[in-house]
Protein backbone atom coordinates (compact mmCIF):
# COMPACT_ATOMS: atom_id res chain seq x y z
CA MET A 1 0.00 0.00 0.00
CA ALA A 2 1.69 3.25 -0.95
CA GLU A 3 0.82 5.20 2.13
CA HIS A 4 2.93 8.28 1.66
CA HIS A 5 3.21 9.21 5.32
CA PRO A 6 5.02 12.38 6.20
CA ARG A 7 8.47 11.73 7.54
CA ALA A 8 8.46 11.49 11.29
CA SER A 9 10.45 9.68 13.93
CA ALA A 10 8.55 6.44 14.45
CA ALA A 11 8.45 4.84 15.62
CA HIS A 12 10.03 -28.90 18.40
CA GLY A 13 11.74 -28.82 21.26
CA SER A 14 10.68 -29.38 24.80
CA SER A 15 10.40 -26.82 27.59
CA PRO A 16 10.15 -23.89 25.18
CA PRO A 17 11.47 -20.64 26.63
CA ARG A 18 9.62 -17.37 26.66
CA ASN A 19 11.30 -15.98 23.58
CA ILE A 20 8.95 -14.78 20.87
CA VAL A 21 9.48 -12.16 18.22
CA ASP A 22 6.85 -9.58 17.32
CA THR A 23 7.65 -9.30 13.63
CA HIS A 24 4.13 -9.30 12.30
CA ILE A 25 3.55 -11.69 8.68
CA ALA A 26 -1.82 -21.92 3.72
CA ALA A 27 -2.30 -25.71 1.21
CA PRO A 28 -5.64 -25.29 2.69
CA GLY A 29 -6.20 -27.62 5.59
CA PRO A 30 -9.42 -29.33 6.55
CA LYS A 31 -12.26 -27.20 7.87
CA GLU A 32 -11.95 -26.58 11.57
CA ALA A 33 -14.58 -26.50 14.26
CA PRO A 34 -15.69 -22.96 15.07
CA ILE A 35 -14.03 -21.31 18.04
CA THR A 36 -16.38 -20.72 20.93
CA THR A 37 -16.29 -17.16 22.27
CA PRO A 38 -18.99 -15.66 24.52
CA PRO A 39 -20.89 -12.69 23.03
CA ASP A 40 -19.91 -9.19 24.17
CA THR A 41 -16.38 -10.23 24.97
CA PRO A 42 -14.16 -7.13 25.40
CA PRO A 43 -11.79 -6.37 22.51
CA ALA A 44 -8.85 -7.12 24.81
CA ARG A 45 -9.79 -10.79 24.62
CA LEU A 46 -8.80 -11.06 20.94
CA PRO A 47 -5.13 -11.76 21.77
CA ALA A 48 -6.25 -14.50 24.18
CA ARG A 49 -8.49 -16.09 21.54
CA LEU A 50 -5.68 -15.93 19.00
CA ALA A 51 -3.26 -17.51 21.46
CA ALA A 52 -5.72 -20.32 22.23
CA TRP A 53 -6.11 -21.03 18.51
CA VAL A 54 -2.34 -21.14 17.99
CA GLU A 55 -1.93 -23.45 20.99
CA ALA A 56 -4.53 -25.85 19.55
CA GLN A 57 -2.79 -25.88 16.18
CA VAL A 58 0.60 -26.60 17.77
CA ALA A 59 -0.86 -29.40 19.87
CA ALA A 60 -2.39 -31.06 16.81
CA ALA A 61 0.66 -30.72 14.54
CA ALA A 62 3.56 -33.12 14.04
CA ARG A 63 5.85 -30.21 13.10
CA PRO A 64 5.78 -26.45 13.69
CA PRO A 65 2.68 -25.29 11.80
CA LEU A 66 2.55 -22.34 9.43
CA LEU A 67 -0.55 -20.38 10.42
CA MET A 68 -2.16 -17.52 8.47
CA VAL A 69 -4.45 -14.91 10.00
CA SER A 70 -6.60 -12.56 7.93
CA GLY A 71 -8.55 -9.46 8.89
CA ALA A 72 -9.54 -6.08 7.45
CA GLN A 73 -7.43 -2.97 7.83
CA GLY A 74 -7.56 -1.37 11.26
CA LEU A 75 -9.10 -4.44 12.90
CA GLY A 76 -6.25 -4.98 15.35
CA LYS A 77 -4.46 -7.97 13.81
CA SER A 78 -0.97 -6.64 14.41
CA THR A 79 -1.71 -5.79 18.05
CA ALA A 80 -3.16 -9.24 18.70
CA ILE A 81 -0.24 -10.93 16.96
CA ALA A 82 2.25 -8.87 18.96
CA ALA A 83 0.64 -10.12 22.17
CA LEU A 84 1.85 -13.61 21.31
CA ALA A 85 5.26 -12.38 22.44
CA ALA A 86 4.00 -12.76 26.02
CA HIS A 87 3.20 -16.45 25.60
CA PRO A 88 4.70 -18.28 28.58
CA GLN A 89 5.26 -21.65 26.92
CA LEU A 90 5.65 -21.35 23.15
CA ARG A 91 8.25 -19.82 20.89
CA ILE A 92 6.18 -18.20 18.15
CA ALA A 93 7.75 -16.53 15.13
CA THR A 94 5.36 -13.85 13.89
CA LEU A 95 5.42 -11.91 10.65
CA SER A 96 3.23 -9.45 8.80
CA LEU A 97 2.59 -9.53 5.08
CA ASP A 98 3.03 -5.76 5.33
CA ASP A 99 6.71 -6.23 6.06
CA VAL A 100 7.45 -7.83 2.70
CA TYR A 101 6.11 -5.06 0.49
CA LEU A 102 8.16 -4.42 -2.60
CA THR A 103 10.51 -1.50 -2.22
CA GLN A 104 9.30 1.90 -3.30
CA ALA A 105 11.60 1.79 -6.33
CA ALA A 106 10.23 -1.60 -7.41
CA ARG A 107 6.63 -0.36 -7.13
CA GLN A 108 7.46 2.75 -9.11
CA ARG A 109 8.76 0.50 -11.89
CA LEU A 110 5.49 -1.42 -11.83
CA ALA A 111 3.59 1.86 -11.95
CA ALA A 112 5.52 2.87 -15.06
CA SER A 113 5.23 -0.48 -16.83
CA ILE A 114 1.79 -1.79 -15.78
CA HIS A 115 -0.49 0.80 -14.15
CA PRO A 116 -0.01 3.90 -11.97
CA LEU A 117 -2.00 2.32 -9.12
CA CYS A 118 0.71 -0.34 -8.77
CA ALA A 119 2.72 2.23 -6.82
CA THR A 120 0.33 1.81 -3.90
CA ARG A 121 1.48 -0.93 -1.57
CA GLY A 122 -0.92 -3.53 -0.27
CA PRO A 123 -2.91 -5.06 -3.15
CA PRO A 124 -1.84 -8.39 -4.66
CA GLY A 125 1.27 -7.93 -6.75
CA THR A 126 2.94 -5.43 -4.41
CA HIS A 127 4.58 -7.95 -2.09
CA ASP A 128 8.03 -9.52 -2.42
CA LEU A 129 6.86 -13.12 -2.34
CA ALA A 130 10.34 -14.47 -3.06
CA LEU A 131 11.69 -12.70 0.04
CA LEU A 132 8.79 -14.07 2.07
CA ALA A 133 9.34 -17.62 0.78
CA ASP A 134 13.03 -17.46 1.71
CA THR A 135 12.11 -16.17 5.18
CA LEU A 136 9.56 -18.92 5.74
CA ASP A 137 12.05 -21.56 4.53
CA ALA A 138 14.65 -20.27 7.00
CA LEU A 139 12.15 -20.32 9.86
CA ALA A 140 10.99 -23.84 8.97
CA SER A 141 14.62 -25.02 9.00
CA GLY A 142 14.79 -24.13 12.69
CA HIS A 143 17.49 -21.50 12.37
CA GLU A 144 17.39 -18.10 13.99
CA THR A 145 16.08 -15.89 11.20
CA ALA A 146 16.15 -12.21 10.30
CA ILE A 147 12.61 -10.97 9.67
CA PRO A 148 12.06 -8.22 7.07
CA ARG A 149 10.69 -4.90 8.23
CA PHE A 150 8.92 -2.19 6.26
CA ASP A 151 8.89 1.46 7.34
CA LYS A 152 5.41 2.74 6.48
CA ARG A 153 6.28 6.31 7.28
CA LEU A 154 9.01 6.25 4.66
CA ASP A 155 7.06 3.90 2.39
CA ASP A 156 10.10 1.69 1.94
CA ARG A 157 11.82 -1.39 3.29
CA ALA A 158 13.91 -0.86 6.39
CA PRO A 159 17.67 -1.55 6.19
CA LYS A 160 18.64 -5.15 6.99
CA ALA A 161 20.54 -3.95 10.03
CA GLU A 162 17.17 -3.01 11.56
CA TRP A 163 15.46 -6.34 10.93
CA PRO A 164 14.65 -8.23 14.15
CA ARG A 165 15.55 -11.89 14.53
CA ALA A 166 13.04 -14.64 15.18
CA PRO A 167 14.00 -17.38 17.63
CA ALA A 168 15.50 -20.64 16.49
CA ALA A 169 13.25 -23.71 16.46
CA PRO A 170 9.89 -21.92 16.76
CA HIS A 171 6.90 -23.98 17.82
CA ALA A 172 4.73 -22.12 15.30
CA ILE A 173 5.06 -19.53 12.54
CA VAL A 174 2.20 -17.02 12.33
CA ILE A 175 1.76 -14.57 9.47
CA GLU A 176 -0.99 -11.96 9.40
CA GLY A 177 -2.32 -9.83 6.57
CA TRP A 178 -5.52 -8.32 5.26
CA LEU A 179 -5.82 -10.71 2.29
CA MET A 180 -4.49 -14.00 3.66
CA GLY A 181 -6.27 -16.83 1.86
CA VAL A 182 -8.34 -14.75 -0.59
CA ARG A 183 -9.22 -16.59 -3.79
CA PRO A 184 -9.20 -15.16 -7.32
CA ALA A 185 -12.53 -13.93 -8.65
CA PRO A 186 -14.81 -16.89 -9.50
CA ALA A 187 -16.01 -15.00 -12.60
CA PRO A 188 -15.04 -11.81 -14.45
CA GLU A 189 -15.74 -8.66 -12.42
CA PRO A 190 -15.67 -5.88 -15.01
CA ALA A 191 -17.70 -3.23 -13.20
CA PRO A 192 -15.92 -0.77 -10.87
CA ILE A 193 -17.25 -0.82 -7.30
CA ASN A 194 -15.97 2.54 -6.07
CA ALA A 195 -14.77 5.92 -7.27
CA LEU A 196 -11.10 4.88 -7.31
CA GLU A 197 -11.77 2.01 -9.70
CA ALA A 198 -14.17 4.01 -11.85
CA GLU A 199 -11.89 7.04 -12.22
CA GLU A 200 -8.40 5.52 -12.17
CA ASP A 201 -8.93 1.98 -13.50
CA PRO A 202 -11.99 2.22 -15.78
CA ASP A 203 -10.79 -0.54 -18.13
CA GLY A 204 -9.91 -2.93 -15.27
CA GLN A 205 -6.22 -3.28 -16.14
CA TRP A 206 -5.07 -2.84 -12.54
CA ARG A 207 -7.77 -5.18 -11.23
CA GLY A 208 -6.85 -7.80 -13.82
CA TRP A 209 -3.20 -7.57 -12.79
CA GLN A 210 -4.20 -8.32 -9.19
CA GLU A 211 -6.30 -11.33 -10.22
CA ALA A 212 -3.37 -12.74 -12.18
CA ALA A 213 -1.18 -12.40 -9.09
CA LEU A 214 -3.78 -14.18 -6.95
CA GLN A 215 -3.83 -17.09 -9.39
CA SER A 216 -0.07 -17.57 -9.23
CA GLY A 217 2.27 -16.47 -6.44
CA TYR A 218 -0.36 -15.86 -3.79
CA ALA A 219 -2.08 -19.21 -4.42
CA GLN A 220 1.30 -20.88 -3.95
CA LEU A 221 1.79 -18.98 -0.69
CA TRP A 222 -1.65 -20.01 0.61
CA ASP A 223 -0.79 -23.61 -0.30
CA ARG A 224 1.98 -23.57 2.30
CA ALA A 225 -0.34 -22.91 5.23
CA ASP A 226 -1.42 -25.55 7.72
CA ALA A 227 -4.44 -23.55 8.89
CA PHE A 228 -6.19 -20.21 8.46
CA LEU A 229 -7.96 -18.01 10.98
CA HIS A 230 -10.23 -15.30 9.56
CA LEU A 231 -11.02 -12.31 11.79
CA ASP A 232 -14.22 -10.93 10.29
CA ALA A 233 -15.36 -7.32 10.45
CA PRO A 234 -19.16 -6.86 10.43
CA GLY A 235 -18.85 -5.37 6.93
CA PHE A 236 -16.63 -3.20 4.80
CA GLU A 237 -18.58 -0.15 5.97
CA VAL A 238 -16.62 -0.04 9.27
CA VAL A 239 -13.20 -0.28 7.61
CA PRO A 240 -12.82 3.42 6.66
CA ARG A 241 -13.42 4.42 10.30
CA TRP A 242 -11.11 1.72 11.63
CA ARG A 243 -8.39 2.74 9.17
CA LEU A 244 -8.84 6.41 10.14
CA GLU A 245 -8.33 5.49 13.78
CA GLN A 246 -5.24 3.51 12.82
CA GLU A 247 -3.89 6.48 10.88
CA ALA A 248 -4.40 8.77 13.84
CA THR A 249 -2.57 6.35 16.12
CA LEU A 250 0.31 6.07 13.66
CA LEU A 251 0.65 9.86 13.60
CA GLY A 252 0.28 10.22 17.36
CA THR A 253 -3.02 12.08 17.36
CA THR A 254 -6.78 11.43 17.43
CA PRO A 255 -9.14 10.97 14.46
CA ALA A 256 -10.82 14.30 15.25
CA ARG A 257 -7.49 16.09 14.99
CA LEU A 258 -6.51 14.67 11.62
CA PRO A 259 -6.54 17.45 9.00
CA PRO A 260 -9.19 17.23 6.25
CA ALA A 261 -6.56 16.41 3.63
CA ARG A 262 -5.39 13.39 5.62
CA ARG A 263 -8.94 12.21 6.20
CA ALA A 264 -9.57 12.44 2.46
CA TRP A 265 -6.37 10.49 1.82
CA VAL A 266 -7.54 7.65 4.08
CA ALA A 267 -10.95 7.60 2.39
CA ARG A 268 -9.27 7.12 -0.99
CA PHE A 269 -6.65 4.74 0.36
CA VAL A 270 -9.10 2.14 1.67
CA GLN A 271 -10.75 1.94 -1.74
CA HIS A 272 -7.67 0.06 -2.96
CA TYR A 273 -8.75 -2.81 -0.67
CA GLU A 274 -12.51 -2.66 -0.87
CA ARG A 275 -13.08 -5.24 -3.60
CA LEU A 276 -11.02 -7.99 -2.02
CA THR A 277 -12.11 -7.17 1.52
CA ARG A 278 -15.73 -7.61 0.47
CA ARG A 279 -14.78 -10.84 -1.30
CA MET A 280 -13.11 -12.16 1.84
CA LEU A 281 -16.11 -11.29 4.01
CA ALA A 282 -18.39 -13.04 1.51
CA GLY A 283 -16.42 -16.24 2.18
CA HIS A 284 -14.49 -16.50 -1.10
CA ARG A 285 -11.26 -17.53 0.61
CA ARG A 286 -9.36 -20.58 1.80
CA PRO A 287 -11.13 -22.61 4.53
CA GLY A 288 -10.45 -21.68 8.11
CA ALA A 289 -11.75 -20.92 11.56
CA VAL A 290 -13.68 -17.66 11.95
CA ILE A 291 -13.85 -15.08 14.74
CA ARG A 292 -16.43 -12.33 14.19
CA LEU A 293 -15.99 -8.80 15.51
CA GLY A 294 -18.57 -6.06 16.01
CA PRO A 295 -18.36 -2.45 14.79
CA ASN A 296 -16.28 -1.44 17.82
CA ARG A 297 -13.97 -4.45 17.41
CA GLN A 298 -15.73 -6.35 20.20
CA LEU A 299 -15.68 -10.11 19.86
CA LEU A 300 -18.96 -11.74 18.92
CA ALA A 301 -19.99 -15.41 18.94
CA ASP A 302 -17.63 -17.07 16.46
CA GLY A 303 -18.93 -18.08 13.06
CA PRO A 304 -18.70 -21.51 11.47
CA ALA A 305 -15.53 -22.53 9.68
CA GLN A 306 -15.65 -21.21 6.13
CA GLY A 307 -13.98 -21.83 2.83
């Protein structure tokens, strides 16, 4: 996603130690039983529910499982994943799909050769899947591994010297991202669904490029997973507000204090993800367990496993 943020100082073994990296990132497995969560559970319980799911996957696996977690922008995926670092018994290597965006220079080349919207990081086709595959291979080998980092404020990959290291021999590898497990369109989708598509991609070239990526490299990535967990927003309608709140947090302010120009930028930005977010919420994705959230990110009774 090319978020052009203003520059600012930003921020199988036994007896596993408490040593987990918060570094944010499958072949689809069998459908899982729905997770049971009481209604009206406070949002703070999401990390606990995620941890319980990871624990169950580790207990059922013969080797460290590769687990993929999806959820719309601003839902709180990264925060919940980071909480796994406090797990008292498991070494969990965590990554974010956000951290393997193509460099700014690489996306500018795509923008020049394919479509101007390719400069915006986030949609399919804007991730360095080869870098991610190498990282996952290194983690699966049991070696201590450097995890890529992306600086969203600079809209570019962080220097390797700043990459954190995941622990050796993790009990699980968890990767989160807004589109984890999404499937290509089941049929042609020629009609634009928002102003961004209608005004900047009227002939569908950019959308077609994304679908081609989903049919190739992303499908191969999903095939690696042992299980999926889908964190479902109540609908795309809440995503602009959630993303606005996320933007305010990133810039160290409140949504009400964001200037009109920045609010307009967020409104346009989320349109890059609307089509596939709606597709995910409609269930056109790899099978997995489902946790449903309400409009204020509160946990609701979990939905049935979907695929």
